Amino acid sequence: MGIILFIVGTIGWHVGMYGMFKKAGLEPWKAFVPFYNTWLIVEKCEIKKTWFWLQLIPIAGQFITIWITIIWVMHFKKVNLIAHTLTVFLPFIYFPYLGFSDKEKWYGKEPLKHYHKPVSREWIDAGVFAIVAATIIRSFVFEAYVIPTGSMEKTLRINDFLFVNKVAYGPRIPQTPLAFPFVHNFLPFSQTAPSYLKWIQLKYDRLPGYTPIKRNDVVVFNFPAGDTIINEIGYGSAVPYYDVLRQVYKGNREALLAEHEILVHPMDKTDNYIKRCVAIAGETIQIKEGLLYVNGEPSQPFKDAQTDYIVKTNGTGFTEEYLKNELNLWLKDDDNLEFSKLSDSTYSLNMRAEDAEKVKKLPFVTSIVRMPVDQPTYPYDTFHNWTTDNFGPLLIPKKGTVITLDPSNINLYKRAIENYEGNKFETVNGKYIINGKETTTYTFKYDYYWMMGDNRHRSQDSRYWGFVPETHVVGKASFIWFSWENGPRFSRIFKFIK
């Protein structure tokens, strides 16, 4: 449904602009050229060119684009609240009306000078309205995101700009409504100062009429293990608090607090992650030798999914041209390096299965094998001893599911029971106490999901921190509207996400 609305909205917006351009004395076909159409609006309305460039800024640029279109509509002598509301929320209907109705025409700036409010006041009013409207749209309809890491390569690439559909799974009521607009959890130009106030905290709820998450959807969600972070440069969600507490301080929280600043985020202000939902509530997952199984059936990796391979050669090396043009690898010297030389004849390549087949056929390649990864994983106990490539089986909790609590599963579900479902959980003399009452069973209140990156060896996902509750789901990644790597990647622009 969200995709259909997006397509209808896009077509209606541009068709309306076609008619409005014609009335304004602009060549109407130019209304269909992305970005150039806004440039012409800025010129025609004599808006400073700086605003055109500022609208290209991710997230904040949404509000600026809305403000520009409101100023544009004002030059059709539409200056009241109703006109502004229609411009923001129903432009795919309102713009065609302005463009093709015989009752409407282009007035330009001159008539606005004689309006009862100064033009400067109208512009300020339009800006305030745009901020409010953009905040509502960003909270409940869609939001722009930029892919920062290679965990979903090559389904989603670093510097893909995408829209996340918040209507798909139901717009979530903000838990923390008092916040600085157009940023997530930190103030602009800061990596440590919170952008929100905790004075008001609302209960989890969603607007009605949504559909549930389907297996293999690409989902944006609040990082579950990001509720507590080390609030210092170099930590945050990149180096999670729980990992540092377990690995460095061996569970000694007091020692960690003595050396680091800790910040506890509300649920909706933890960092946003994007992964593929590989299993939904009620399903059982297992990973054997790196291959994912859902309900006992193998789950085939997606076409653009990547993994690490060890490639041995007869001493002949790979050319940079081949790596970039044939395998489309990211070769920048940073944490996302997809190619590295292990010895004079051995290489590590992070690539798709079909690219591995290409490499296998090269005359100088003597062998190619999938790199095994055996890092310890959730729940990090000696009872399970699961690893990245050998994990499970594990049941994903479903709302209403009743489990019997025992030592074999308590570490798997304790965090969900205590942190995500808001219960007080204790173990006293081997007995389980929930909210002050001894029990041997628990009934889940929410649905849970299992999220994994398509780049399986380079993804911090559910294998390392467990379930994603429905409360943390933000929306469905639907559409790539721009992509950049040393210039626009035109093949990825206006691409739907599968």
Protein backbone atom coordinates (compact mmCIF):
# COMPACT_ATOMS: atom_id res chain seq x y z
CA MET A 1 0.00 0.00 0.00
CA GLY A 2 2.82 2.42 0.89
CA ILE A 3 4.50 1.82 -2.50
CA ILE A 4 1.24 2.54 -4.35
CA LEU A 5 0.75 5.79 -2.42
CA PHE A 6 4.34 6.79 -3.17
CA ILE A 7 3.93 6.16 -6.92
CA VAL A 8 0.56 7.97 -7.08
CA GLY A 9 1.97 10.85 -5.06
CA THR A 10 5.07 11.17 -7.25
CA ILE A 11 3.11 11.12 -10.52
CA GLY A 12 0.48 13.57 -9.24
CA TRP A 13 3.12 15.96 -7.91
CA HIS A 14 4.97 16.12 -11.24
CA VAL A 15 1.83 16.31 -13.39
CA GLY A 16 0.62 19.22 -11.29
CA MET A 17 4.00 20.91 -11.56
CA TYR A 18 3.78 20.56 -15.34
CA GLY A 19 0.65 22.70 -15.40
CA MET A 20 1.98 25.15 -12.81
CA PHE A 21 5.23 25.59 -14.75
CA LYS A 22 3.25 26.38 -17.88
CA LYS A 23 1.18 29.03 -16.08
CA ALA A 24 4.35 30.53 -14.58
CA GLY A 25 5.95 30.91 -18.00
CA LEU A 26 8.45 28.07 -17.54
CA GLU A 27 8.95 25.27 -20.05
CA PRO A 28 6.54 22.66 -18.64
CA TRP A 29 8.61 19.58 -19.53
CA LYS A 30 11.26 20.76 -17.07
CA ALA A 31 8.84 19.99 -14.24
CA PHE A 32 9.67 16.30 -14.72
CA VAL A 33 13.44 16.72 -14.21
CA PRO A 34 14.35 15.92 -10.56
CA PHE A 35 16.17 18.70 -8.67
CA TYR A 36 16.28 20.90 -11.78
CA ASN A 37 12.57 21.59 -11.30
CA THR A 38 13.23 22.85 -7.77
CA TRP A 39 16.12 24.96 -9.06
CA LEU A 40 13.76 26.68 -11.49
CA ILE A 41 11.21 27.27 -8.72
CA VAL A 42 13.91 28.90 -6.58
CA GLU A 43 14.88 31.13 -9.51
CA LYS A 44 11.31 32.05 -10.41
CA CYS A 45 10.38 32.91 -6.83
CA GLU A 46 13.67 34.78 -6.33
CA ILE A 47 14.63 32.62 -3.37
CA LYS A 48 18.31 32.62 -2.46
CA LYS A 49 20.13 29.79 -4.27
CA THR A 50 21.58 28.65 -0.95
CA TRP A 51 18.21 27.14 -0.08
CA PHE A 52 18.32 24.90 -3.14
CA TRP A 53 21.58 23.33 -1.99
CA LEU A 54 20.45 23.06 1.62
CA GLN A 55 17.46 20.94 0.59
CA LEU A 56 19.90 18.21 -0.51
CA ILE A 57 20.95 17.66 3.11
CA PRO A 58 19.50 14.32 4.28
CA ILE A 59 16.57 14.56 6.73
CA ALA A 60 16.65 18.36 7.31
CA GLY A 61 16.35 18.90 3.56
CA GLN A 62 12.81 17.52 3.66
CA PHE A 63 11.62 20.57 5.57
CA ILE A 64 13.42 22.96 3.20
CA THR A 65 11.84 21.36 0.12
CA ILE A 66 8.40 21.68 1.72
CA TRP A 67 9.10 25.33 2.54
CA ILE A 68 10.16 26.00 -1.09
CA THR A 69 6.95 24.47 -2.45
CA ILE A 70 4.85 26.55 -0.01
CA ILE A 71 6.58 29.73 -1.26
CA TRP A 72 5.92 28.53 -4.83
CA VAL A 73 2.20 28.08 -4.13
CA MET A 74 2.05 31.52 -2.49
CA HIS A 75 2.93 33.00 -5.90
CA PHE A 76 -0.37 31.54 -7.10
CA LYS A 77 -1.92 33.79 -4.41
CA LYS A 78 -2.58 30.82 -2.11
CA VAL A 79 -1.47 32.11 1.28
CA ASN A 80 -3.88 30.71 3.86
CA LEU A 81 -3.54 27.72 6.18
CA ILE A 82 -5.76 25.49 4.04
CA ALA A 83 -3.58 26.08 0.97
CA HIS A 84 -0.44 25.33 2.95
CA THR A 85 -1.98 22.17 4.39
CA LEU A 86 -2.97 20.90 0.94
CA THR A 87 0.50 21.73 -0.38
CA VAL A 88 2.13 19.61 2.31
CA PHE A 89 -0.22 16.66 2.65
CA LEU A 90 -2.07 16.41 -0.70
CA PRO A 91 0.21 17.99 -3.32
CA PHE A 92 -0.56 15.18 -5.79
CA ILE A 93 -4.18 16.45 -5.82
CA TYR A 94 -3.70 20.16 -5.11
CA PHE A 95 -0.90 20.81 -7.62
CA PRO A 96 -2.88 19.37 -10.58
CA TYR A 97 -5.79 21.59 -9.51
CA LEU A 98 -3.58 24.71 -9.49
CA GLY A 99 -1.92 23.68 -12.73
CA PHE A 100 -4.99 22.88 -14.81
CA SER A 101 -7.95 24.73 -13.26
CA ASP A 102 -9.15 27.73 -15.27
CA LYS A 103 -9.89 29.46 -11.96
CA GLU A 104 -6.26 29.56 -10.89
CA LYS A 105 -3.34 31.51 -12.34
CA TRP A 106 0.23 32.60 -11.65
CA TYR A 107 0.45 36.03 -9.96
CA GLY A 108 4.14 36.28 -9.16
CA LYS A 109 5.51 38.36 -6.29
CA GLU A 110 3.87 41.68 -7.03
CA PRO A 111 0.37 40.91 -5.66
CA LEU A 112 1.89 39.60 -2.42
CA LYS A 113 3.30 43.05 -1.65
CA HIS A 114 -0.25 44.36 -1.28
CA TYR A 115 -1.41 41.49 0.88
CA HIS A 116 -2.36 42.43 4.46
CA LYS A 117 0.73 40.68 5.85
CA PRO A 118 4.26 41.64 4.77
CA VAL A 119 5.85 39.13 2.41
CA SER A 120 8.59 38.55 4.99
CA ARG A 121 5.92 37.58 7.54
CA GLU A 122 4.37 35.16 5.05
CA TRP A 123 7.73 33.54 4.46
CA ILE A 124 8.29 33.13 8.19
CA ASP A 125 4.81 31.67 8.62
CA ALA A 126 5.46 29.30 5.73
CA GLY A 127 8.73 28.22 7.33
CA VAL A 128 7.12 27.52 10.70
CA PHE A 129 4.30 25.59 9.06
CA ALA A 130 6.82 23.61 6.98
CA ILE A 131 8.75 22.63 10.11
CA VAL A 132 5.60 21.38 11.83
CA ALA A 133 4.36 19.60 8.71
CA ALA A 134 7.74 18.01 7.97
CA THR A 135 7.97 16.79 11.58
CA ILE A 136 4.55 15.14 11.25
CA ILE A 137 5.50 13.55 7.92
CA ARG A 138 8.84 12.36 9.27
CA SER A 139 7.20 10.88 12.37
CA PHE A 140 4.24 9.13 10.77
CA VAL A 141 4.62 8.81 6.97
CA PHE A 142 8.17 8.44 5.67
CA GLU A 143 11.73 9.41 6.53
CA ALA A 144 14.96 9.67 4.59
CA TYR A 145 17.99 7.61 5.62
CA VAL A 146 21.55 7.19 4.39
CA ILE A 147 23.30 3.80 4.51
CA PRO A 148 26.49 4.27 6.58
CA THR A 149 28.01 0.76 6.59
CA GLY A 150 28.36 -2.30 4.39
CA SER A 151 26.23 -4.67 6.49
CA MET A 152 23.62 -4.98 3.71
CA GLU A 153 25.99 -5.03 0.70
CA LYS A 154 25.19 -5.21 -2.12
CA THR A 155 21.44 -5.09 -1.57
CA LEU A 156 22.02 -1.68 -0.03
CA ARG A 157 25.31 0.06 -0.61
CA ILE A 158 27.19 2.63 1.42
CA ASN A 159 25.84 6.11 0.57
CA ASP A 160 22.52 4.85 -0.74
CA PHE A 161 19.88 7.46 0.14
CA LEU A 162 16.54 5.79 0.76
CA PHE A 163 13.00 6.42 1.93
CA VAL A 164 11.60 4.38 4.81
CA ASN A 165 7.86 3.82 4.70
CA LYS A 166 6.45 4.26 8.21
CA VAL A 167 2.88 3.54 7.12
CA ALA A 168 3.70 -0.05 6.11
CA TYR A 169 3.79 -1.50 9.63
CA GLY A 170 1.67 1.23 11.22
CA PRO A 171 2.93 4.70 12.23
CA ARG A 172 4.34 4.41 15.74
CA ILE A 173 3.33 6.96 18.36
CA PRO A 174 6.56 8.67 19.54
CA GLN A 175 7.54 7.51 22.99
CA THR A 176 9.65 10.65 23.48
CA PRO A 177 7.70 13.56 21.91
CA LEU A 178 9.83 16.42 23.29
CA ALA A 179 12.81 16.54 20.93
CA PHE A 180 14.80 18.85 18.65
CA PRO A 181 13.29 18.61 15.12
CA PHE A 182 14.93 16.77 12.21
CA VAL A 183 17.57 14.96 14.25
CA HIS A 184 17.39 11.59 15.95
CA ASN A 185 19.11 11.20 19.30
CA PHE A 186 21.87 13.83 19.38
CA LEU A 187 21.84 17.57 18.80
CA PRO A 188 23.24 18.91 15.49
CA PHE A 189 27.04 18.92 15.32
CA SER A 190 27.27 16.85 18.50
CA GLN A 191 27.85 13.16 19.09
CA THR A 192 27.19 13.23 22.82
CA ALA A 193 24.50 15.84 23.65
CA PRO A 194 20.99 14.28 23.68
CA SER A 195 18.41 15.92 21.40
CA TYR A 196 15.41 15.01 23.55
CA LEU A 197 13.83 15.52 26.97
CA LYS A 198 12.48 12.66 29.09
CA TRP A 199 9.85 14.72 30.88
CA ILE A 200 7.09 12.98 28.93
CA GLN A 201 7.28 9.28 28.07
CA LEU A 202 4.34 7.70 26.24
CA LYS A 203 3.42 4.01 26.11
CA TYR A 204 4.04 1.99 22.96
CA ASP A 205 1.22 2.15 20.44
CA ARG A 206 0.65 2.31 16.68
CA LEU A 207 -2.04 3.85 14.53
CA PRO A 208 -4.47 1.23 13.17
CA GLY A 209 -4.66 -0.23 9.66
CA TYR A 210 -1.16 -1.62 9.28
CA THR A 211 0.14 -4.95 8.01
CA PRO A 212 2.59 -7.23 9.85
CA ILE A 213 6.22 -7.65 8.89
CA LYS A 214 6.79 -10.38 6.33
CA ARG A 215 9.78 -12.65 6.24
CA ASN A 216 12.57 -11.15 4.07
CA ASP A 217 11.33 -7.56 4.37
CA VAL A 218 14.13 -5.00 4.74
CA VAL A 219 13.32 -3.24 8.00
CA VAL A 220 14.52 -0.15 9.87
CA PHE A 221 14.35 -0.48 13.65
CA ASN A 222 15.71 1.00 16.84
CA PHE A 223 18.83 -0.88 17.91
CA PRO A 224 17.66 -3.00 20.88
CA ALA A 225 21.06 -3.13 22.56
CA GLY A 226 21.42 0.64 22.11
CA ASP A 227 19.25 1.46 25.12
CA THR A 228 22.47 1.94 27.12
CA ILE A 229 25.58 3.36 25.46
CA ILE A 230 29.03 4.56 26.41
CA ASN A 231 28.48 8.22 25.55
CA GLU A 232 31.98 8.91 24.25
CA ILE A 233 33.50 9.30 20.81
CA GLY A 234 34.35 5.89 19.36
CA TYR A 235 31.74 3.96 21.33
CA GLY A 236 27.97 4.46 21.00
CA SER A 237 26.32 1.72 18.95
CA ALA A 238 29.52 1.02 17.02
CA VAL A 239 31.07 -0.49 20.15
CA PRO A 240 28.02 -1.44 22.25
CA TYR A 241 28.01 -0.96 25.99
CA TYR A 242 26.98 -4.57 26.62
CA ASP A 243 29.92 -5.88 24.58
CA VAL A 244 32.39 -3.71 26.51
CA LEU A 245 30.81 -4.72 29.82
CA ARG A 246 31.08 -8.42 28.96
CA GLN A 247 34.43 -8.51 27.16
CA VAL A 248 36.50 -5.84 28.94
CA TYR A 249 34.97 -5.59 32.40
CA LYS A 250 33.76 -9.21 32.77
CA GLY A 251 30.33 -8.02 33.90
CA ASN A 252 31.65 -5.55 36.50
CA ARG A 253 29.33 -2.59 35.88
CA GLU A 254 30.77 -0.49 38.71
CA ALA A 255 34.24 -0.68 37.17
CA LEU A 256 32.89 0.38 33.78
CA LEU A 257 30.95 3.30 35.29
CA ALA A 258 34.11 4.48 37.05
CA GLU A 259 35.89 4.91 33.71
CA HIS A 260 33.16 5.82 31.20
CA GLU A 261 30.18 8.15 30.79
CA ILE A 262 26.94 6.18 30.33
CA LEU A 263 23.76 7.39 28.62
CA VAL A 264 20.44 5.51 28.74
CA HIS A 265 18.32 6.17 25.65
CA PRO A 266 14.52 5.86 25.53
CA MET A 267 13.48 3.05 23.19
CA ASP A 268 12.61 5.31 20.25
CA LYS A 269 15.86 7.26 20.55
CA THR A 270 18.29 4.38 20.19
CA ASP A 271 20.23 4.37 16.92
CA ASN A 272 18.41 3.27 13.78
CA TYR A 273 19.57 -0.01 12.20
CA ILE A 274 18.58 -1.53 8.89
CA LYS A 275 18.59 -5.31 8.30
CA ARG A 276 16.58 -8.02 6.62
CA CYS A 277 13.94 -9.79 8.70
CA VAL A 278 14.91 -13.41 8.09
CA ALA A 279 12.39 -14.90 10.56
CA ILE A 280 9.15 -13.63 12.02
CA ALA A 281 7.39 -14.32 15.32
CA GLY A 282 6.70 -18.00 15.95
CA GLU A 283 9.36 -19.31 13.56
CA THR A 284 12.51 -21.24 14.44
CA ILE A 285 15.89 -20.30 13.03
CA GLN A 286 19.17 -22.18 12.85
CA ILE A 287 22.52 -21.53 11.18
CA LYS A 288 24.62 -24.52 10.14
CA GLU A 289 28.04 -23.99 8.55
CA GLY A 290 27.05 -20.45 7.68
CA LEU A 291 23.75 -21.41 6.00
CA LEU A 292 20.47 -20.13 7.44
CA TYR A 293 17.54 -22.48 8.05
CA VAL A 294 14.02 -21.30 8.94
CA ASN A 295 11.61 -23.89 10.32
CA GLY A 296 14.06 -26.57 9.18
CA GLU A 297 14.11 -25.38 5.55
CA PRO A 298 17.19 -23.74 3.97
CA SER A 299 16.76 -20.02 3.35
CA GLN A 300 18.48 -19.08 0.11
CA PRO A 301 20.62 -15.92 0.29
CA PHE A 302 19.48 -13.01 -1.84
CA LYS A 303 21.11 -12.35 -5.20
CA ASP A 304 23.10 -9.33 -4.01
CA ALA A 305 24.03 -10.76 -0.60
CA GLN A 306 27.76 -10.89 0.15
CA THR A 307 30.07 -13.01 2.24
CA ASP A 308 33.83 -13.38 2.75
CA TYR A 309 35.87 -15.81 0.68
CA ILE A 310 39.49 -16.96 0.89
CA VAL A 311 41.00 -16.97 -2.59
CA LYS A 312 44.34 -18.66 -3.35
CA THR A 313 46.25 -17.97 -6.56
CA ASN A 314 49.40 -19.14 -8.29
CA GLY A 315 51.06 -15.84 -7.37
CA THR A 316 49.34 -13.66 -9.94
CA GLY A 317 47.48 -10.77 -8.32
CA PHE A 318 44.15 -9.08 -9.00
CA THR A 319 44.13 -5.77 -10.83
CA GLU A 320 42.31 -2.82 -9.30
CA GLU A 321 40.37 -2.43 -12.55
CA TYR A 322 39.03 -6.00 -12.30
CA LEU A 323 38.09 -5.63 -8.63
CA LYS A 324 36.24 -2.36 -9.21
CA ASN A 325 34.64 -2.93 -12.61
CA GLU A 326 33.96 -6.68 -12.64
CA LEU A 327 33.36 -7.39 -8.95
CA ASN A 328 32.22 -3.88 -7.99
CA LEU A 329 34.15 -4.00 -4.71
CA TRP A 330 34.58 -1.14 -2.26
CA LEU A 331 38.33 -0.51 -2.18
CA LYS A 332 38.63 2.48 0.12
CA ASP A 333 41.12 1.94 2.90
CA ASP A 334 38.72 1.90 5.84
CA ASP A 335 36.62 -0.52 7.90
CA ASN A 336 34.53 -1.39 4.83
CA LEU A 337 37.45 -2.72 2.78
CA GLU A 338 36.15 -5.59 0.66
CA PHE A 339 39.51 -6.77 -0.66
CA SER A 340 42.68 -7.51 1.29
CA LYS A 341 45.91 -9.36 0.65
CA LEU A 342 46.69 -12.02 3.27
CA SER A 343 49.95 -13.26 1.70
CA ASP A 344 51.73 -13.18 -1.66
CA SER A 345 49.22 -15.65 -3.09
CA THR A 346 46.20 -15.50 -0.75
CA TYR A 347 43.44 -12.91 -0.66
CA SER A 348 40.24 -12.14 1.22
CA LEU A 349 37.34 -11.00 -0.95
CA ASN A 350 33.95 -9.92 0.33
CA MET A 351 31.62 -10.60 -2.64
CA ARG A 352 28.40 -12.09 -3.98
CA ALA A 353 28.03 -15.79 -4.77
CA GLU A 354 27.80 -15.11 -8.51
CA ASP A 355 30.99 -13.07 -8.36
CA ALA A 356 32.71 -15.91 -6.52
CA GLU A 357 31.83 -18.11 -9.51
CA LYS A 358 33.51 -15.58 -11.81
CA VAL A 359 36.66 -15.57 -9.68
CA LYS A 360 36.73 -19.36 -9.54
CA LYS A 361 37.04 -19.48 -13.35
CA LEU A 362 40.07 -17.17 -13.51
CA PRO A 363 43.12 -19.09 -14.80
CA PHE A 364 45.41 -17.97 -11.95
CA VAL A 365 42.98 -18.91 -9.12
CA THR A 366 43.81 -22.28 -7.56
CA SER A 367 41.06 -22.42 -4.91
CA ILE A 368 38.22 -20.41 -3.40
CA VAL A 369 36.38 -21.27 -0.18
CA ARG A 370 33.86 -19.51 1.98
CA MET A 371 35.65 -18.03 5.00
CA PRO A 372 34.46 -19.68 8.26
CA VAL A 373 33.63 -17.27 11.09
CA ASP A 374 33.32 -18.63 14.61
CA GLN A 375 32.89 -15.57 16.80
CA PRO A 376 30.89 -16.07 20.02
CA THR A 377 27.29 -14.88 19.81
CA TYR A 378 24.11 -14.30 21.78
CA PRO A 379 23.37 -15.38 24.50
CA TYR A 380 27.08 -15.68 25.36
CA ASP A 381 26.76 -18.53 27.84
CA THR A 382 28.47 -21.89 28.21
CA PHE A 383 25.16 -23.70 27.92
CA HIS A 384 24.85 -22.82 24.23
CA ASN A 385 28.32 -21.88 22.90
CA TRP A 386 26.80 -20.73 19.62
CA THR A 387 28.91 -18.98 17.00
CA THR A 388 28.37 -16.76 13.95
CA ASP A 389 28.23 -19.68 11.50
CA ASN A 390 26.71 -22.30 13.81
CA PHE A 391 23.75 -20.99 15.76
CA GLY A 392 20.49 -22.31 17.18
CA PRO A 393 17.94 -23.74 16.86
CA LEU A 394 16.07 -20.85 18.43
CA LEU A 395 12.33 -20.11 18.66
CA ILE A 396 11.37 -16.48 17.89
CA PRO A 397 8.76 -15.39 20.48
CA LYS A 398 5.23 -14.63 19.30
CA LYS A 399 2.56 -12.65 21.14
CA GLY A 400 0.63 -15.09 23.32
CA THR A 401 3.31 -17.80 23.19
CA VAL A 402 3.81 -19.52 26.54
CA ILE A 403 7.27 -20.87 27.36
CA THR A 404 8.44 -22.95 30.30
CA LEU A 405 11.37 -21.24 32.01
CA ASP A 406 14.40 -23.39 32.74
CA PRO A 407 18.22 -23.10 32.71
CA SER A 408 18.34 -24.09 29.03
CA ASN A 409 16.43 -21.04 27.82
CA ILE A 410 16.48 -18.42 30.53
CA ASN A 411 19.44 -16.52 29.03
CA LEU A 412 17.72 -16.53 25.63
CA TYR A 413 14.52 -14.86 26.79
CA LYS A 414 15.42 -12.99 29.99
CA ARG A 415 16.24 -9.69 28.25
CA ALA A 416 12.95 -9.76 26.33
CA ILE A 417 10.97 -10.47 29.49
CA GLU A 418 12.74 -7.84 31.57
CA ASN A 419 13.83 -5.02 29.21
CA TYR A 420 11.40 -5.14 26.30
CA GLU A 421 8.24 -6.20 28.14
CA GLY A 422 8.86 -4.18 31.30
CA ASN A 423 8.86 -6.85 33.99
CA LYS A 424 10.93 -7.14 37.14
CA PHE A 425 12.79 -10.43 36.80
CA GLU A 426 14.77 -12.18 39.54
CA THR A 427 16.33 -15.59 40.10
CA VAL A 428 16.23 -16.62 43.77
CA ASN A 429 17.58 -20.02 44.86
CA GLY A 430 17.10 -21.37 41.34
CA LYS A 431 13.48 -20.16 41.19
CA TYR A 432 12.17 -17.50 38.80
CA ILE A 433 10.38 -14.47 40.25
CA ILE A 434 8.52 -12.15 37.85
CA ASN A 435 6.97 -9.01 39.33
CA GLY A 436 7.24 -10.49 42.81
CA LYS A 437 5.56 -13.82 41.98
CA GLU A 438 7.25 -17.18 41.60
CA THR A 439 6.53 -18.80 38.23
CA THR A 440 7.75 -21.49 35.88
CA THR A 441 6.16 -20.06 32.71
CA TYR A 442 5.95 -16.78 30.82
CA THR A 443 3.46 -15.49 28.20
CA PHE A 444 4.89 -12.97 25.73
CA LYS A 445 3.08 -9.65 25.19
CA TYR A 446 4.74 -8.73 21.88
CA ASP A 447 5.83 -10.24 18.58
CA TYR A 448 9.57 -10.53 17.97
CA TYR A 449 11.72 -10.73 14.85
CA TRP A 450 15.15 -11.97 13.84
CA MET A 451 17.18 -9.47 11.80
CA MET A 452 20.34 -10.23 9.83
CA GLY A 453 22.43 -8.27 7.35
CA ASP A 454 22.76 -9.57 3.78
CA ASN A 455 26.53 -9.17 4.19
CA ARG A 456 26.53 -12.01 6.72
CA HIS A 457 30.18 -11.83 7.81
CA ARG A 458 30.15 -8.05 8.25
CA SER A 459 26.90 -7.37 10.02
CA GLN A 460 26.23 -6.60 13.67
CA ASP A 461 22.80 -8.21 13.86
CA SER A 462 20.51 -10.45 15.90
CA ARG A 463 23.21 -13.10 16.18
CA TYR A 464 25.06 -10.74 18.52
CA TRP A 465 22.25 -9.08 20.50
CA GLY A 466 19.11 -11.17 20.03
CA PHE A 467 15.51 -10.40 19.19
CA VAL A 468 13.96 -7.21 17.80
CA PRO A 469 10.58 -6.57 19.50
CA GLU A 470 7.70 -5.04 17.55
CA THR A 471 8.00 -1.97 19.78
CA HIS A 472 11.33 -1.12 18.13
CA VAL A 473 10.20 -1.40 14.49
CA VAL A 474 10.37 1.96 12.67
CA GLY A 475 9.32 1.11 9.11
CA LYS A 476 9.97 -0.67 5.84
CA ALA A 477 12.89 0.33 3.60
CA SER A 478 11.14 0.85 0.29
CA PHE A 479 12.92 3.03 -2.23
CA ILE A 480 16.43 4.30 -3.09
CA TRP A 481 16.08 7.88 -4.35
CA PHE A 482 19.78 8.68 -4.73
CA SER A 483 23.17 6.97 -4.48
CA TRP A 484 26.72 8.30 -4.46
CA GLU A 485 30.27 6.97 -4.83
CA ASN A 486 32.70 9.48 -6.33
CA GLY A 487 29.66 10.76 -8.22
CA PRO A 488 26.04 9.65 -8.69
CA ARG A 489 25.46 5.89 -9.11
CA PHE A 490 22.74 6.29 -11.73
CA SER A 491 21.97 2.57 -11.89
CA ARG A 492 20.73 2.70 -8.28
CA ILE A 493 18.65 5.89 -8.42
CA PHE A 494 14.86 5.32 -8.15
CA LYS A 495 15.40 1.64 -7.36
CA PHE A 496 12.92 -0.32 -5.25
CA ILE A 497 14.38 -2.38 -2.41
CA LYS A 498 13.84 -6.13 -2.54
